[in-house]
Amino acid sequence: MSASNPPRLVSVKLTPIGRAQTYLAGDLPNSLPAPGDRVLVQSENGPAIGTVVRSIPQLQERRRPPDDAPQRVVRLATREDVVTRLKHEHREREAFRIAVLKIREHGLAMKLTRVEEAFDGGRMVFYFTADGRVDFRELVRELAAEFRTRIEMRQIGVRDEAKMLGGYGTCGRPLCCTTFLTSFEPVSIKMAKQQDLSLNPSKLSGLCGRLKCCLRYELPNAKGIVHGGCGDEGGCDNPSGCGAGGCGACGAGGCGACGAGGCGQCH
């Protein structure tokens, strides 16, 4: 695509919680959807309904999917599309309630996190956390008989659970994993020791119960740049850090000028 004809991009949130995703809008009319408009998009998991949000021009190009990627805005959502999605949300809540009862009935060592139904109604995906392997074959058969659709069970980690449910960190800002992080980088207690932080687990742990992702933000990056944000051990090569968070210049009282996600160490 030539520089004189830049790709048209639209930022869309598929769920109220989570970061916005960038979609190509090549098939839309001349005017792009405005923030707040509901649109039908083609995602990696099939068609879905999302809400257009304001985009950040400086980040939009970095988040642009390849020209041949399936992430595209198909059209503005119709009234029928919105009604269909509302019906799916009702079925998701009902499926969650029934699944929790059946999990207790079978005594399965698993915790249900979320239920999602595909826009075409062809499948339901049940996300859950568990300490080990779970034999959920009987549960799947009962759920399939109840909802007359294909059932998928997906085991996720506790960090993915926090990213899916959302919340606020001890810094008072929304969780980094729901705002700008695209992946979970390794975090170790050694990073806290390098920063002379208190090794109190209650202060170093996030809502997921694991070490806070922001422990990486104040460390040198792979090039040795102080406050680069990625850490020397297996860090990335980005001098500005792994995300937009972490100013690296917080004083004892906190500067209050950290980027999105905050540095996580302000008091």
Protein backbone atom coordinates (compact mmCIF):
# COMPACT_ATOMS: atom_id res chain seq x y z
CA MET A 1 0.00 0.00 0.00
CA SER A 2 1.50 3.32 -1.07
CA ALA A 3 2.34 6.12 1.34
CA SER A 4 -0.08 8.44 -0.53
CA ASN A 5 -2.90 6.00 0.18
CA PRO A 6 -2.43 5.01 3.85
CA PRO A 7 -4.51 2.17 5.26
CA ARG A 8 -7.71 3.15 7.01
CA LEU A 9 -7.76 1.83 10.54
CA VAL A 10 -10.44 1.60 13.21
CA SER A 11 -9.96 0.86 16.92
CA VAL A 12 -12.60 -1.51 18.26
CA LYS A 13 -13.30 -3.05 21.67
CA LEU A 14 -15.09 -6.38 21.55
CA THR A 15 -15.73 -6.45 25.31
CA PRO A 16 -16.03 -3.68 27.92
CA ILE A 17 -12.87 -5.01 29.61
CA GLY A 18 -9.62 -5.24 27.69
CA ARG A 19 -7.54 -3.24 25.27
CA ALA A 20 -8.83 -1.98 21.97
CA GLN A 21 -7.82 -3.82 18.81
CA THR A 22 -7.02 -2.26 15.47
CA TYR A 23 -8.97 -3.42 12.42
CA LEU A 24 -8.62 -2.62 8.73
CA ALA A 25 -11.52 -0.66 7.28
CA GLY A 26 -10.81 -0.97 3.58
CA ASP A 27 -14.27 -2.27 2.67
CA LEU A 28 -16.20 0.50 4.41
CA PRO A 29 -17.61 3.62 2.70
CA ASN A 30 -15.59 6.82 2.64
CA SER A 31 -16.52 7.89 6.19
CA LEU A 32 -15.13 5.81 9.03
CA PRO A 33 -17.34 4.81 11.99
CA ALA A 34 -17.37 7.31 14.83
CA PRO A 35 -16.45 6.44 18.43
CA GLY A 36 -19.44 4.77 20.06
CA ASP A 37 -20.71 3.14 16.87
CA ARG A 38 -21.36 -0.60 16.93
CA VAL A 39 -19.69 -2.49 14.08
CA LEU A 40 -19.52 -6.05 12.80
CA VAL A 41 -15.89 -7.15 12.53
CA GLN A 42 -14.15 -10.23 11.23
CA SER A 43 -11.74 -11.41 13.91
CA GLU A 44 -9.43 -14.39 14.16
CA ASN A 45 -12.24 -16.30 15.89
CA GLY A 46 -14.92 -15.36 13.37
CA PRO A 47 -17.44 -12.51 13.15
CA ALA A 48 -18.11 -10.45 16.27
CA ILE A 49 -19.83 -7.25 17.38
CA GLY A 50 -17.67 -4.49 18.82
CA THR A 51 -17.76 -0.81 19.76
CA VAL A 52 -15.59 1.78 18.05
CA VAL A 53 -13.35 3.73 20.44
CA ARG A 54 -11.07 6.70 20.01
CA SER A 55 -7.72 5.76 18.56
CA ILE A 56 -4.25 7.05 19.36
CA PRO A 57 -2.57 7.99 16.06
CA GLN A 58 0.91 7.40 17.47
CA LEU A 59 0.01 3.81 18.38
CA GLN A 60 -2.42 2.93 15.63
CA GLU A 61 0.20 2.30 12.96
CA ARG A 62 2.23 0.13 15.34
CA ARG A 63 -0.86 -1.97 16.04
CA ARG A 64 -1.94 -2.20 12.41
CA PRO A 65 -2.55 -5.80 11.34
CA PRO A 66 -1.01 -7.06 8.08
CA ASP A 67 -2.91 -6.23 4.91
CA ASP A 68 -3.83 -9.90 4.46
CA ALA A 69 -4.94 -10.38 8.09
CA PRO A 70 -8.56 -11.37 8.77
CA GLN A 71 -9.07 -8.47 11.20
CA ARG A 72 -11.41 -6.23 9.20
CA VAL A 73 -14.47 -4.11 9.86
CA VAL A 74 -17.24 -5.64 7.75
CA ARG A 75 -19.97 -3.02 8.21
CA LEU A 76 -21.92 -1.01 10.73
CA ALA A 77 -23.97 -3.24 13.00
CA THR A 78 -27.68 -3.31 12.30
CA ARG A 79 -30.44 -3.38 14.90
CA GLU A 80 -30.78 -7.12 14.29
CA ASP A 81 -27.05 -7.61 14.96
CA VAL A 82 -27.28 -5.77 18.28
CA VAL A 83 -30.39 -7.73 19.32
CA THR A 84 -28.65 -10.99 18.42
CA ARG A 85 -25.65 -10.02 20.54
CA LEU A 86 -27.91 -9.14 23.50
CA LYS A 87 -29.52 -12.57 23.23
CA HIS A 88 -26.08 -14.17 23.22
CA GLU A 89 -25.10 -12.23 26.35
CA HIS A 90 -28.22 -13.56 28.07
CA ARG A 91 -27.34 -17.12 27.02
CA GLU A 92 -23.76 -16.62 28.23
CA ARG A 93 -24.96 -15.60 31.69
CA GLU A 94 -27.34 -18.55 31.81
CA ALA A 95 -24.62 -20.92 30.59
CA PHE A 96 -22.25 -19.63 33.27
CA ARG A 97 -24.83 -20.24 35.99
CA ILE A 98 -25.64 -23.75 34.80
CA ALA A 99 -21.99 -24.68 34.27
CA VAL A 100 -21.06 -23.60 37.81
CA LEU A 101 -23.83 -25.80 39.21
CA LYS A 102 -22.72 -28.77 37.14
CA ILE A 103 -19.07 -28.27 38.10
CA ARG A 104 -20.07 -28.43 41.77
CA GLU A 105 -22.31 -31.44 41.09
CA HIS A 106 -19.44 -33.37 39.50
CA GLY A 107 -16.92 -32.16 42.09
CA LEU A 108 -14.48 -30.91 39.46
CA ALA A 109 -11.41 -29.02 40.68
CA MET A 110 -11.84 -26.09 38.31
CA LYS A 111 -12.97 -22.47 38.50
CA LEU A 112 -15.11 -21.09 35.69
CA THR A 113 -13.98 -17.67 34.53
CA ARG A 114 -16.10 -16.68 31.58
CA VAL A 115 -18.42 -17.98 28.84
CA GLU A 116 -18.43 -16.65 25.29
CA GLU A 117 -20.84 -17.56 22.50
CA ALA A 118 -19.83 -17.09 18.87
CA PHE A 119 -21.80 -14.51 16.92
CA ASP A 120 -23.17 -17.17 14.60
CA GLY A 121 -24.24 -19.29 17.58
CA GLY A 122 -22.16 -22.23 16.38
CA ARG A 123 -20.19 -22.74 19.59
CA MET A 124 -19.79 -21.78 23.23
CA VAL A 125 -16.37 -21.38 24.80
CA PHE A 126 -15.98 -21.93 28.55
CA TYR A 127 -12.79 -20.46 30.04
CA PHE A 128 -11.62 -21.89 33.34
CA THR A 129 -8.62 -22.10 35.64
CA ALA A 130 -7.37 -25.22 37.39
CA ASP A 131 -4.23 -26.40 39.17
CA GLY A 132 -3.92 -29.50 36.99
CA ARG A 133 -5.64 -31.53 34.32
CA VAL A 134 -9.41 -31.86 34.61
CA ASP A 135 -11.57 -34.62 33.11
CA PHE A 136 -14.51 -32.54 31.88
CA ARG A 137 -15.84 -34.94 29.23
CA GLU A 138 -19.08 -35.63 31.07
CA LEU A 139 -19.53 -31.91 31.73
CA VAL A 140 -19.13 -31.14 28.02
CA ARG A 141 -21.74 -33.74 27.09
CA GLU A 142 -24.26 -32.31 29.53
CA LEU A 143 -23.64 -28.72 28.41
CA ALA A 144 -23.95 -29.70 24.74
CA ALA A 145 -27.28 -31.40 25.46
CA GLU A 146 -28.46 -28.34 27.39
CA PHE A 147 -27.55 -25.64 24.84
CA ARG A 148 -27.63 -27.62 21.58
CA THR A 149 -24.34 -26.23 20.29
CA ARG A 150 -20.66 -27.14 20.15
CA ILE A 151 -18.93 -26.76 23.52
CA GLU A 152 -15.25 -25.85 23.93
CA MET A 153 -13.43 -25.90 27.26
CA ARG A 154 -10.27 -23.78 27.43
CA GLN A 155 -7.97 -23.83 30.44
CA ILE A 156 -6.24 -20.50 31.07
CA GLY A 157 -3.73 -19.23 33.63
CA VAL A 158 -4.45 -16.92 36.52
CA ARG A 159 -2.86 -13.99 34.71
CA ASP A 160 -5.11 -14.56 31.73
CA GLU A 161 -8.04 -14.70 34.15
CA ALA A 162 -7.14 -11.28 35.58
CA LYS A 163 -6.78 -9.92 32.04
CA MET A 164 -10.23 -11.27 31.16
CA LEU A 165 -12.02 -10.05 34.30
CA GLY A 166 -10.20 -6.72 34.76
CA GLY A 167 -9.77 -4.67 37.91
CA TYR A 168 -7.56 -2.04 39.51
CA GLY A 169 -4.04 -2.45 40.83
CA THR A 170 -2.61 -1.11 44.07
CA CYS A 171 -1.45 1.96 42.11
CA GLY A 172 -5.12 2.88 41.59
CA ARG A 173 -5.03 2.43 37.82
CA PRO A 174 -6.63 -0.28 35.65
CA LEU A 175 -4.55 -3.42 35.34
CA CYS A 176 -1.70 -3.19 32.84
CA CYS A 177 -2.80 -6.47 31.24
CA THR A 178 -6.22 -4.98 30.40
CA THR A 179 -4.91 -1.68 29.02
CA PHE A 180 -1.69 -2.04 27.01
CA LEU A 181 0.20 -5.28 27.63
CA THR A 182 0.06 -7.69 24.69
CA SER A 183 1.91 -10.57 26.36
CA PHE A 184 3.04 -11.69 29.81
CA GLU A 185 6.79 -11.37 30.27
CA PRO A 186 8.63 -13.44 32.90
CA VAL A 187 8.81 -11.76 36.31
CA SER A 188 11.07 -12.97 39.14
CA ILE A 189 11.65 -12.07 42.76
CA LYS A 190 15.20 -11.11 41.73
CA MET A 191 13.75 -8.05 40.03
CA ALA A 192 12.31 -6.84 43.33
CA LYS A 193 15.65 -7.43 45.09
CA GLN A 194 17.48 -5.40 42.43
CA GLN A 195 15.19 -2.47 43.21
CA ASP A 196 15.57 -2.84 47.00
CA LEU A 197 11.84 -3.35 47.38
CA SER A 198 10.21 -4.93 50.38
CA LEU A 199 9.87 -8.67 49.80
CA ASN A 200 6.42 -8.71 51.35
CA PRO A 201 4.32 -10.99 49.07
CA SER A 202 1.18 -8.94 49.68
CA LYS A 203 2.90 -5.85 48.23
CA LEU A 204 4.58 -7.61 45.32
CA SER A 205 1.58 -9.65 44.17
CA GLY A 206 -1.09 -8.43 41.78
CA LEU A 207 -4.77 -9.30 41.66
CA CYS A 208 -3.88 -12.57 39.95
CA GLY A 209 -1.80 -13.65 42.95
CA ARG A 210 1.42 -13.65 40.91
CA LEU A 211 4.27 -11.15 40.94
CA LYS A 212 3.26 -7.80 39.49
CA CYS A 213 4.12 -7.28 35.83
CA CYS A 214 5.26 -3.74 36.69
CA LEU A 215 8.28 -5.09 38.58
CA ARG A 216 10.00 -5.10 35.18
CA TYR A 217 9.39 -1.43 34.42
CA GLU A 218 12.18 0.11 36.52
CA LEU A 219 14.95 -2.26 35.45
CA PRO A 220 17.53 -1.61 32.72
CA ASN A 221 16.60 -3.00 29.35
CA ALA A 222 18.67 -5.34 27.20
CA LYS A 223 20.84 -2.41 26.05
CA GLY A 224 21.54 -1.39 29.63
CA ILE A 225 19.46 1.79 29.46
CA VAL A 226 18.31 2.61 32.99
CA HIS A 227 14.51 2.53 33.43
CA GLY A 228 14.27 0.88 30.00
CA GLY A 229 11.54 -1.32 31.37
CA CYS A 230 12.40 -4.84 30.30
CA GLY A 231 15.14 -6.14 32.55
CA ASP A 232 18.57 -7.49 31.71
CA GLU A 233 17.58 -11.15 31.85
CA GLY A 234 15.90 -11.98 28.56
CA GLY A 235 14.67 -8.42 28.15
CA CYS A 236 13.45 -6.89 24.92
CA ASP A 237 15.34 -4.41 22.78
CA ASN A 238 12.94 -1.51 23.18
CA PRO A 239 14.53 1.49 24.98
CA SER A 240 11.07 2.83 25.87
CA GLY A 241 10.04 -0.38 27.60
CA CYS A 242 7.54 -3.14 26.90
CA GLY A 243 4.57 -0.81 27.07
CA ALA A 244 3.50 2.76 27.61
CA GLY A 245 3.67 2.47 31.39
CA GLY A 246 6.43 3.37 33.79
CA CYS A 247 8.13 6.75 33.81
CA GLY A 248 11.06 5.51 35.85
CA ALA A 249 11.39 8.86 37.64
CA CYS A 250 9.05 8.50 40.60
CA GLY A 251 10.33 10.04 43.76
CA ALA A 252 9.49 9.05 47.31
CA GLY A 253 6.15 10.79 47.09
CA GLY A 254 5.27 9.63 43.62
CA CYS A 255 5.37 11.88 40.57
CA GLY A 256 1.89 11.05 39.31
CA ALA A 257 3.08 11.46 35.71
CA CYS A 258 3.47 7.84 34.72
CA GLY A 259 2.09 6.70 31.37
CA ALA A 260 -0.76 4.29 30.82
CA GLY A 261 -0.67 1.58 33.44
CA GLY A 262 1.61 3.58 35.77
CA CYS A 263 4.90 2.40 37.14
CA GLY A 264 3.18 0.49 39.91
CA GLN A 265 5.61 1.75 42.56
CA CYS A 266 4.14 5.16 43.36
CA HIS A 267 2.87 5.58 46.92
